[in-house]
C-alpha atoms as a PDB file:
ATOM      1  CA  MET A   1     -10.264   3.673  -0.390  1.00  0.00           C
ATOM      2  CA  LYS A   2      -6.762   5.143  -0.125  1.00  0.00           C
ATOM      3  CA  ILE A   3      -4.181   2.954   1.581  1.00  0.00           C
ATOM      4  CA  ALA A   4      -0.650   4.011   2.510  1.00  0.00           C
ATOM      5  CA  ALA A   5       1.770   1.859   4.485  1.00  0.00           C
ATOM      6  CA  LYS A   6       5.409   1.694   5.458  1.00  0.00           C
ATOM      7  CA  THR A   7       7.647  -0.273   7.794  1.00  0.00           C
ATOM      8  CA  ASP A   8      11.160   0.708   8.821  1.00  0.00           C
ATOM      9  CA  ILE A   9      13.846  -0.912  10.946  1.00  0.00           C
ATOM     10  CA  GLY A  10      14.524   2.330  12.810  1.00  0.00           C
ATOM     11  CA  ILE A  11      17.968   3.536  13.807  1.00  0.00           C
ATOM     12  CA  VAL A  12      18.869   1.333  16.786  1.00  0.00           C
ATOM     13  CA  ARG A  13      17.608  -2.183  15.958  1.00  0.00           C
ATOM     14  CA  ASP A  14      19.492  -4.723  13.867  1.00  0.00           C
ATOM     15  CA  ASN A  15      16.388  -6.315  12.359  1.00  0.00           C
ATOM     16  CA  ASN A  16      12.723  -5.554  11.800  1.00  0.00           C
ATOM     17  CA  GLN A  17      10.297  -7.609  13.883  1.00  0.00           C
ATOM     18  CA  ASP A  18       7.238  -5.734  12.582  1.00  0.00           C
ATOM     19  CA  SER A  19       5.001  -7.019   9.797  1.00  0.00           C
ATOM     20  CA  TYR A  20       1.931  -5.601   8.103  1.00  0.00           C
ATOM     21  CA  ALA A  21      -0.568  -6.189   5.331  1.00  0.00           C
ATOM     22  CA  ALA A  22      -3.259  -4.006   3.794  1.00  0.00           C
ATOM     23  CA  GLY A  23      -5.448  -4.116   0.735  1.00  0.00           C
ATOM     24  CA  GLU A  24      -8.861  -3.824  -0.841  1.00  0.00           C
ATOM     25  CA  LEU A  25     -11.774  -6.180  -0.294  1.00  0.00           C
ATOM     26  CA  SER A  26     -14.959  -6.625  -2.287  1.00  0.00           C
ATOM     27  CA  GLY A  27     -17.645  -3.947  -2.277  1.00  0.00           C
ATOM     28  CA  GLY A  28     -15.230  -1.053  -1.762  1.00  0.00           C
ATOM     29  CA  ALA A  29     -14.047  -2.315   1.631  1.00  0.00           C
ATOM     30  CA  ALA A  30     -10.446  -2.473   2.823  1.00  0.00           C
ATOM     31  CA  PHE A  31      -8.427  -4.202   5.511  1.00  0.00           C
ATOM     32  CA  ALA A  32      -5.198  -3.589   7.373  1.00  0.00           C
ATOM     33  CA  VAL A  33      -3.176  -5.421   9.994  1.00  0.00           C
ATOM     34  CA  VAL A  34      -0.019  -4.521  11.933  1.00  0.00           C
ATOM     35  CA  CYS A  35       1.941  -6.939  14.127  1.00  0.00           C
ATOM     36  CA  ASP A  36       4.992  -6.279  16.300  1.00  0.00           C
ATOM     37  CA  GLY A  37       6.881  -9.481  17.107  1.00  0.00           C
ATOM     38  CA  MET A  38       8.586 -10.405  20.333  1.00  0.00           C
ATOM     39  CA  GLY A  39      11.048 -13.071  21.390  1.00  0.00           C
ATOM     40  CA  GLY A  40      14.509 -13.504  19.921  1.00  0.00           C
ATOM     41  CA  ALA A  41      15.302 -11.320  16.934  1.00  0.00           C
ATOM     42  CA  ALA A  42      14.509 -13.905  14.285  1.00  0.00           C
ATOM     43  CA  GLU A  43      11.696 -15.449  16.303  1.00  0.00           C
ATOM     44  CA  GLY A  44       9.880 -12.143  16.777  1.00  0.00           C
ATOM     45  CA  ALA A  45      10.070 -11.424  13.063  1.00  0.00           C
ATOM     46  CA  LEU A  46       8.786 -14.915  12.296  1.00  0.00           C
ATOM     47  CA  ALA A  47       5.898 -14.608  14.758  1.00  0.00           C
ATOM     48  CA  SER A  48       4.695 -11.313  13.305  1.00  0.00           C
ATOM     49  CA  SER A  49       5.036 -12.572   9.735  1.00  0.00           C
ATOM     50  CA  VAL A  50       3.122 -15.801  10.437  1.00  0.00           C
ATOM     51  CA  ALA A  51       0.376 -13.862  12.219  1.00  0.00           C
ATOM     52  CA  VAL A  52      -0.001 -11.279   9.452  1.00  0.00           C
ATOM     53  CA  ASN A  53      -0.168 -13.950   6.775  1.00  0.00           C
ATOM     54  CA  ALA A  54      -2.784 -15.944   8.689  1.00  0.00           C
ATOM     55  CA  ILE A  55      -4.950 -12.859   9.218  1.00  0.00           C
ATOM     56  CA  ARG A  56      -4.617 -11.689   5.623  1.00  0.00           C
ATOM     57  CA  GLU A  57      -5.575 -15.114   4.283  1.00  0.00           C
ATOM     58  CA  LYS A  58      -8.626 -15.305   6.527  1.00  0.00           C
ATOM     59  CA  LEU A  59      -9.868 -11.803   5.729  1.00  0.00           C
ATOM     60  CA  THR A  60      -9.315 -11.955   1.983  1.00  0.00           C
ATOM     61  CA  GLY A  61     -10.688 -15.471   1.757  1.00  0.00           C
ATOM     62  CA  SER A  62     -13.813 -15.076   3.885  1.00  0.00           C
ATOM     63  CA  PHE A  63     -14.953 -11.453   3.561  1.00  0.00           C
ATOM     64  CA  PHE A  64     -17.881 -10.678   1.288  1.00  0.00           C
ATOM     65  CA  ALA A  65     -19.804  -7.497   0.521  1.00  0.00           C
ATOM     66  CA  GLY A  66     -22.931  -7.156   2.605  1.00  0.00           C
ATOM     67  CA  MET A  67     -21.578  -8.804   5.752  1.00  0.00           C
ATOM     68  CA  SER A  68     -23.420  -7.710   8.892  1.00  0.00           C
ATOM     69  CA  ASP A  69     -21.719  -5.929  11.772  1.00  0.00           C
ATOM     70  CA  ILE A  70     -21.787  -9.130  13.817  1.00  0.00           C
ATOM     71  CA  SER A  71     -20.326 -11.179  10.981  1.00  0.00           C
ATOM     72  CA  THR A  72     -17.583  -8.624  10.400  1.00  0.00           C
ATOM     73  CA  ARG A  73     -16.653  -8.691  14.058  1.00  0.00           C
ATOM     74  CA  SER A  74     -16.663 -12.492  14.070  1.00  0.00           C
ATOM     75  CA  LEU A  75     -14.433 -12.565  11.002  1.00  0.00           C
ATOM     76  CA  LEU A  76     -11.833 -10.289  12.581  1.00  0.00           C
ATOM     77  CA  VAL A  77     -11.841 -12.218  15.845  1.00  0.00           C
ATOM     78  CA  SER A  78     -11.555 -15.572  14.103  1.00  0.00           C
ATOM     79  CA  ALA A  79      -8.724 -14.233  11.929  1.00  0.00           C
ATOM     80  CA  VAL A  80      -6.727 -13.352  15.045  1.00  0.00           C
ATOM     81  CA  GLU A  81      -7.607 -16.704  16.611  1.00  0.00           C
ATOM     82  CA  ASN A  82      -6.257 -18.429  13.500  1.00  0.00           C
ATOM     83  CA  ALA A  83      -3.079 -16.380  13.803  1.00  0.00           C
ATOM     84  CA  ASN A  84      -2.767 -17.271  17.464  1.00  0.00           C
ATOM     85  CA  LYS A  85      -3.065 -20.968  16.697  1.00  0.00           C
ATOM     86  CA  ALA A  86      -0.491 -20.748  13.913  1.00  0.00           C
ATOM     87  CA  VAL A  87       2.099 -18.925  16.026  1.00  0.00           C
ATOM     88  CA  TYR A  88       1.485 -20.988  19.161  1.00  0.00           C
ATOM     89  CA  GLU A  89       1.750 -24.318  17.359  1.00  0.00           C
ATOM     90  CA  LEU A  90       4.935 -23.159  15.647  1.00  0.00           C
ATOM     91  CA  SER A  91       6.405 -22.166  19.015  1.00  0.00           C
ATOM     92  CA  LEU A  92       6.062 -25.774  20.175  1.00  0.00           C
ATOM     93  CA  THR A  93       8.094 -27.199  17.306  1.00  0.00           C
ATOM     94  CA  ASP A  94      11.535 -25.992  18.422  1.00  0.00           C
ATOM     95  CA  GLU A  95      13.083 -24.757  21.663  1.00  0.00           C
ATOM     96  CA  LYS A  96      14.364 -21.647  19.938  1.00  0.00           C
ATOM     97  CA  TYR A  97      10.771 -20.585  19.264  1.00  0.00           C
ATOM     98  CA  GLU A  98       9.695 -20.866  22.886  1.00  0.00           C
ATOM     99  CA  GLY A  99       8.063 -17.680  24.151  1.00  0.00           C
ATOM    100  CA  MET A 100       7.737 -15.991  20.796  1.00  0.00           C
ATOM    101  CA  GLY A 101       4.615 -13.979  20.068  1.00  0.00           C
ATOM    102  CA  THR A 102       3.342 -10.764  18.573  1.00  0.00           C
ATOM    103  CA  THR A 103       1.019  -7.870  19.139  1.00  0.00           C
ATOM    104  CA  VAL A 104      -1.791  -7.342  16.664  1.00  0.00           C
ATOM    105  CA  VAL A 105      -4.095  -4.567  15.547  1.00  0.00           C
ATOM    106  CA  ALA A 106      -6.349  -5.287  12.580  1.00  0.00           C
ATOM    107  CA  SER A 107      -9.248  -3.527  10.914  1.00  0.00           C
ATOM    108  CA  ILE A 108     -11.876  -3.793   8.221  1.00  0.00           C
ATOM    109  CA  VAL A 109     -13.295  -0.524   6.876  1.00  0.00           C
ATOM    110  CA  LYS A 110     -16.605  -0.673   5.016  1.00  0.00           C
ATOM    111  CA  ASN A 111     -19.924   1.089   4.570  1.00  0.00           C
ATOM    112  CA  GLY A 112     -19.084   4.043   6.796  1.00  0.00           C
ATOM    113  CA  PHE A 113     -17.612   2.051   9.682  1.00  0.00           C
ATOM    114  CA  ALA A 114     -14.214   0.915  10.918  1.00  0.00           C
ATOM    115  CA  TYR A 115     -14.130  -2.421  12.739  1.00  0.00           C
ATOM    116  CA  ILE A 116     -11.011  -2.932  14.858  1.00  0.00           C
ATOM    117  CA  VAL A 117      -9.548  -5.746  16.966  1.00  0.00           C
ATOM    118  CA  HIS A 118      -6.320  -5.699  18.918  1.00  0.00           C
ATOM    119  CA  ALA A 119      -4.148  -7.429  21.485  1.00  0.00           C
ATOM    120  CA  GLY A 120      -0.987  -5.893  22.901  1.00  0.00           C
ATOM    121  CA  ASP A 121       0.254  -2.331  22.491  1.00  0.00           C
ATOM    122  CA  SER A 122       0.068  -1.763  18.749  1.00  0.00           C
ATOM    123  CA  ARG A 123      -2.567   0.931  18.316  1.00  0.00           C
ATOM    124  CA  ALA A 124      -5.397   2.266  16.181  1.00  0.00           C
ATOM    125  CA  TYR A 125      -6.130   5.986  15.965  1.00  0.00           C
ATOM    126  CA  LEU A 126      -8.983   7.843  14.270  1.00  0.00           C
ATOM    127  CA  ILE A 127      -8.438  11.356  12.955  1.00  0.00           C
ATOM    128  CA  HIS A 128     -11.743  13.228  12.544  1.00  0.00           C
ATOM    129  CA  ASP A 129     -12.366  16.956  12.029  1.00  0.00           C
ATOM    130  CA  GLY A 130      -8.775  17.809  12.878  1.00  0.00           C
ATOM    131  CA  GLU A 131      -8.777  15.820  16.123  1.00  0.00           C
ATOM    132  CA  ILE A 132      -6.997  12.568  16.932  1.00  0.00           C
ATOM    133  CA  ARG A 133      -8.454   9.869  19.151  1.00  0.00           C
ATOM    134  CA  GLN A 134      -6.831   6.648  20.290  1.00  0.00           C
ATOM    135  CA  ILE A 135      -9.316   3.835  19.663  1.00  0.00           C
ATOM    136  CA  THR A 136      -7.388   0.963  21.234  1.00  0.00           C
ATOM    137  CA  LYS A 137      -6.226   0.681  24.829  1.00  0.00           C
ATOM    138  CA  ASP A 138      -2.822  -0.881  25.414  1.00  0.00           C
ATOM    139  CA  HIS A 139      -2.664  -4.294  27.015  1.00  0.00           C
ATOM    140  CA  SER A 140       0.459  -3.508  29.012  1.00  0.00           C
ATOM    141  CA  VAL A 141       1.879  -3.324  32.511  1.00  0.00           C
ATOM    142  CA  VAL A 142       2.204   0.448  32.271  1.00  0.00           C
ATOM    143  CA  GLN A 143      -1.412   0.862  31.123  1.00  0.00           C
ATOM    144  CA  ASN A 144      -2.538  -1.185  34.131  1.00  0.00           C
ATOM    145  CA  MET A 145      -0.522   1.109  36.388  1.00  0.00           C
ATOM    146  CA  LEU A 146      -2.102   4.148  34.759  1.00  0.00           C
ATOM    147  CA  ASP A 147      -5.582   2.702  35.230  1.00  0.00           C
ATOM    148  CA  LYS A 148      -4.865   2.192  38.934  1.00  0.00           C
ATOM    149  CA  GLY A 149      -3.503   5.712  39.324  1.00  0.00           C
ATOM    150  CA  GLU A 150      -0.082   4.424  40.335  1.00  0.00           C
ATOM    151  CA  ILE A 151       1.758   6.555  37.767  1.00  0.00           C
ATOM    152  CA  THR A 152       0.990   9.672  35.733  1.00  0.00           C
ATOM    153  CA  PRO A 153       0.796   9.804  31.924  1.00  0.00           C
ATOM    154  CA  GLU A 154       4.076  11.711  31.962  1.00  0.00           C
ATOM    155  CA  GLU A 155       5.756   9.000  34.037  1.00  0.00           C
ATOM    156  CA  ALA A 156       4.402   6.351  31.666  1.00  0.00           C
ATOM    157  CA  LEU A 157       6.283   7.822  28.707  1.00  0.00           C
ATOM    158  CA  ASP A 158       9.694   6.619  29.876  1.00  0.00           C
ATOM    159  CA  HIS A 159       8.739   4.000  32.450  1.00  0.00           C
ATOM    160  CA  PRO A 160      11.228   1.080  32.433  1.00  0.00           C
ATOM    161  CA  ASP A 161       8.365  -1.447  32.061  1.00  0.00           C
ATOM    162  CA  ARG A 162       6.655   0.316  29.165  1.00  0.00           C
ATOM    163  CA  HIS A 163       7.540  -2.496  26.731  1.00  0.00           C
ATOM    164  CA  ILE A 164       5.981  -5.286  28.820  1.00  0.00           C
ATOM    165  CA  ILE A 165       2.638  -6.338  27.358  1.00  0.00           C
ATOM    166  CA  THR A 166      -0.061  -8.414  29.025  1.00  0.00           C
ATOM    167  CA  ARG A 167      -1.643  -9.928  25.907  1.00  0.00           C
ATOM    168  CA  ALA A 168      -0.031 -11.252  22.752  1.00  0.00           C
ATOM    169  CA  VAL A 169      -0.738 -13.562  19.853  1.00  0.00           C
ATOM    170  CA  GLY A 170       0.904 -16.969  20.110  1.00  0.00           C
ATOM    171  CA  VAL A 171       2.064 -17.099  23.724  1.00  0.00           C
ATOM    172  CA  GLU A 172      -0.858 -19.271  24.885  1.00  0.00           C
ATOM    173  CA  ASP A 173      -3.220 -21.664  23.169  1.00  0.00           C
ATOM    174  CA  ASN A 174      -5.987 -19.060  23.181  1.00  0.00           C
ATOM    175  CA  ILE A 175      -6.199 -15.305  22.723  1.00  0.00           C
ATOM    176  CA  LYS A 176      -8.557 -12.612  23.963  1.00  0.00           C
ATOM    177  CA  VAL A 177      -8.954  -9.530  21.799  1.00  0.00           C
ATOM    178  CA  ASP A 178     -10.731  -6.225  22.286  1.00  0.00           C
ATOM    179  CA  PHE A 179     -13.134  -4.999  19.598  1.00  0.00           C
ATOM    180  CA  ALA A 180     -14.296  -1.538  18.580  1.00  0.00           C
ATOM    181  CA  GLN A 181     -16.664  -0.257  15.911  1.00  0.00           C
ATOM    182  CA  GLU A 182     -16.354   3.391  14.911  1.00  0.00           C
ATOM    183  CA  ASP A 183     -18.073   5.683  12.426  1.00  0.00           C
ATOM    184  CA  PHE A 184     -15.787   6.251   9.454  1.00  0.00           C
ATOM    185  CA  GLY A 185     -16.519   8.940   6.894  1.00  0.00           C
ATOM    186  CA  ASP A 186     -14.140  11.717   5.904  1.00  0.00           C
ATOM    187  CA  ASP A 187     -11.619  10.338   8.369  1.00  0.00           C
ATOM    188  CA  ILE A 188      -8.180   8.746   8.584  1.00  0.00           C
ATOM    189  CA  LEU A 189      -7.632   5.442  10.353  1.00  0.00           C
ATOM    190  CA  LEU A 190      -4.066   4.811  11.500  1.00  0.00           C
ATOM    191  CA  LEU A 191      -2.743   1.440  12.619  1.00  0.00           C
ATOM    192  CA  CYS A 192       0.787   1.469  14.018  1.00  0.00           C
ATOM    193  CA  SER A 193       3.375  -0.290  16.144  1.00  0.00           C
ATOM    194  CA  ASP A 194       4.783   1.295  19.282  1.00  0.00           C
ATOM    195  CA  GLY A 195       7.910   2.271  17.404  1.00  0.00           C
ATOM    196  CA  LEU A 196       5.859   5.258  16.291  1.00  0.00           C
ATOM    197  CA  THR A 197       3.894   6.095  19.420  1.00  0.00           C
ATOM    198  CA  ASN A 198       6.829   5.763  21.833  1.00  0.00           C
ATOM    199  CA  PHE A 199       8.635   8.532  19.981  1.00  0.00           C
ATOM    200  CA  VAL A 200       6.041  10.765  18.318  1.00  0.00           C
ATOM    201  CA  CYS A 201       3.241  12.399  20.309  1.00  0.00           C
ATOM    202  CA  ASP A 202      -0.395  12.200  19.234  1.00  0.00           C
ATOM    203  CA  GLU A 203      -0.566  15.851  18.184  1.00  0.00           C
ATOM    204  CA  GLU A 204       2.404  15.504  15.860  1.00  0.00           C
ATOM    205  CA  ILE A 205       0.912  12.341  14.396  1.00  0.00           C
ATOM    206  CA  LYS A 206      -2.333  14.205  13.762  1.00  0.00           C
ATOM    207  CA  ASP A 207      -0.589  17.173  12.161  1.00  0.00           C
ATOM    208  CA  ILE A 208       1.377  14.969   9.775  1.00  0.00           C
ATOM    209  CA  LEU A 209      -1.693  12.949   8.772  1.00  0.00           C
ATOM    210  CA  THR A 210      -3.887  15.994   8.181  1.00  0.00           C
ATOM    211  CA  GLU A 211      -1.337  18.283   6.537  1.00  0.00           C
ATOM    212  CA  SER A 212       0.579  15.898   4.259  1.00  0.00           C
ATOM    213  CA  ALA A 213      -0.292  14.579   0.831  1.00  0.00           C
ATOM    214  CA  ASP A 214      -1.600  10.999   0.845  1.00  0.00           C
ATOM    215  CA  GLU A 215       1.585   9.508  -0.571  1.00  0.00           C
ATOM    216  CA  GLU A 216       3.734  11.375   1.966  1.00  0.00           C
ATOM    217  CA  LYS A 217       1.862  10.674   5.221  1.00  0.00           C
ATOM    218  CA  VAL A 218       3.432   7.393   6.243  1.00  0.00           C
ATOM    219  CA  SER A 219       6.952   8.323   5.182  1.00  0.00           C
ATOM    220  CA  LYS A 220       6.790  11.513   7.224  1.00  0.00           C
ATOM    221  CA  LEU A 221       5.589   9.591  10.283  1.00  0.00           C
ATOM    222  CA  VAL A 222       8.489   7.150   9.966  1.00  0.00           C
ATOM    223  CA  ASP A 223      10.951   9.991   9.415  1.00  0.00           C
ATOM    224  CA  LYS A 224       9.664  11.776  12.512  1.00  0.00           C
ATOM    225  CA  ALA A 225      10.058   8.664  14.696  1.00  0.00           C
ATOM    226  CA  ASN A 226      13.609   8.244  13.422  1.00  0.00           C
ATOM    227  CA  TYR A 227      14.303  11.931  14.011  1.00  0.00           C
ATOM    228  CA  TYR A 228      13.380  11.431  17.660  1.00  0.00           C
ATOM    229  CA  GLY A 229      15.752   8.503  18.049  1.00  0.00           C
ATOM    230  CA  GLY A 230      14.318   5.616  16.021  1.00  0.00           C
ATOM    231  CA  GLY A 231      14.709   3.309  19.002  1.00  0.00           C
ATOM    232  CA  ASP A 232      12.387   0.623  17.670  1.00  0.00           C
ATOM    233  CA  ASN A 233      10.956  -0.722  14.431  1.00  0.00           C
ATOM    234  CA  ILE A 234       8.278   1.558  13.026  1.00  0.00           C
ATOM    235  CA  THR A 235       5.228   0.429  11.086  1.00  0.00           C
ATOM    236  CA  VAL A 236       2.304   2.591  10.007  1.00  0.00           C
ATOM    237  CA  VAL A 237      -0.760   1.942   7.855  1.00  0.00           C
ATOM    238  CA  ALA A 238      -3.178   4.765   7.026  1.00  0.00           C
ATOM    239  CA  LEU A 239      -6.603   4.290   5.448  1.00  0.00           C
ATOM    240  CA  SER A 240      -8.792   7.122   4.211  1.00  0.00           C
ATOM    241  CA  MET A 241     -11.618   7.760   1.762  1.00  0.00           C
END
């Protein structure tokens, strides 16, 4: 498994509230997780870091080769639940932590499948046969408006409420995640924060991922987001065979 990852503060922000982890698991499997923190500057960074560490520890400590589909799903969900508990309990320890939280998108890739969980507006994309497909669906105010037909996709791009999410790790004592299982062969799986997708369109993301050398993919994505303004932190993780 080939893994490439990068996080960048962007051009506008004073600190990076994104965190990520990625690595190999037993039996040729791999995992990745991206979190985008929210709250005060330091609190958002802390929330995403705590969540990533909790998820990484759960996945690396509990995964084993030969896990069933159901067990793999359960592992991912429980990893996010552990992260939610860790962030939520921390938020209760000090007034300055009140309201902090983080998005999450996490995946295990093994045996020809990608297993993905998410909450918030960090995304997973699958690039297959030269086409890009968004696997996750944003948990956001703007996505709800799109679903109801209240705004168009074009209006959603610069809507003033586009940063308001409806689910996040750590803001309540429980968390609901969405799950997807996708075929994964000669493909590329991309996990990213909205600092990429708010500035770079899907087609450009696809072109960079399919036309760049493995070691250049993530850097070119970050550079492109910064070229278009770099208005947020940018984090990308790409997994491929």
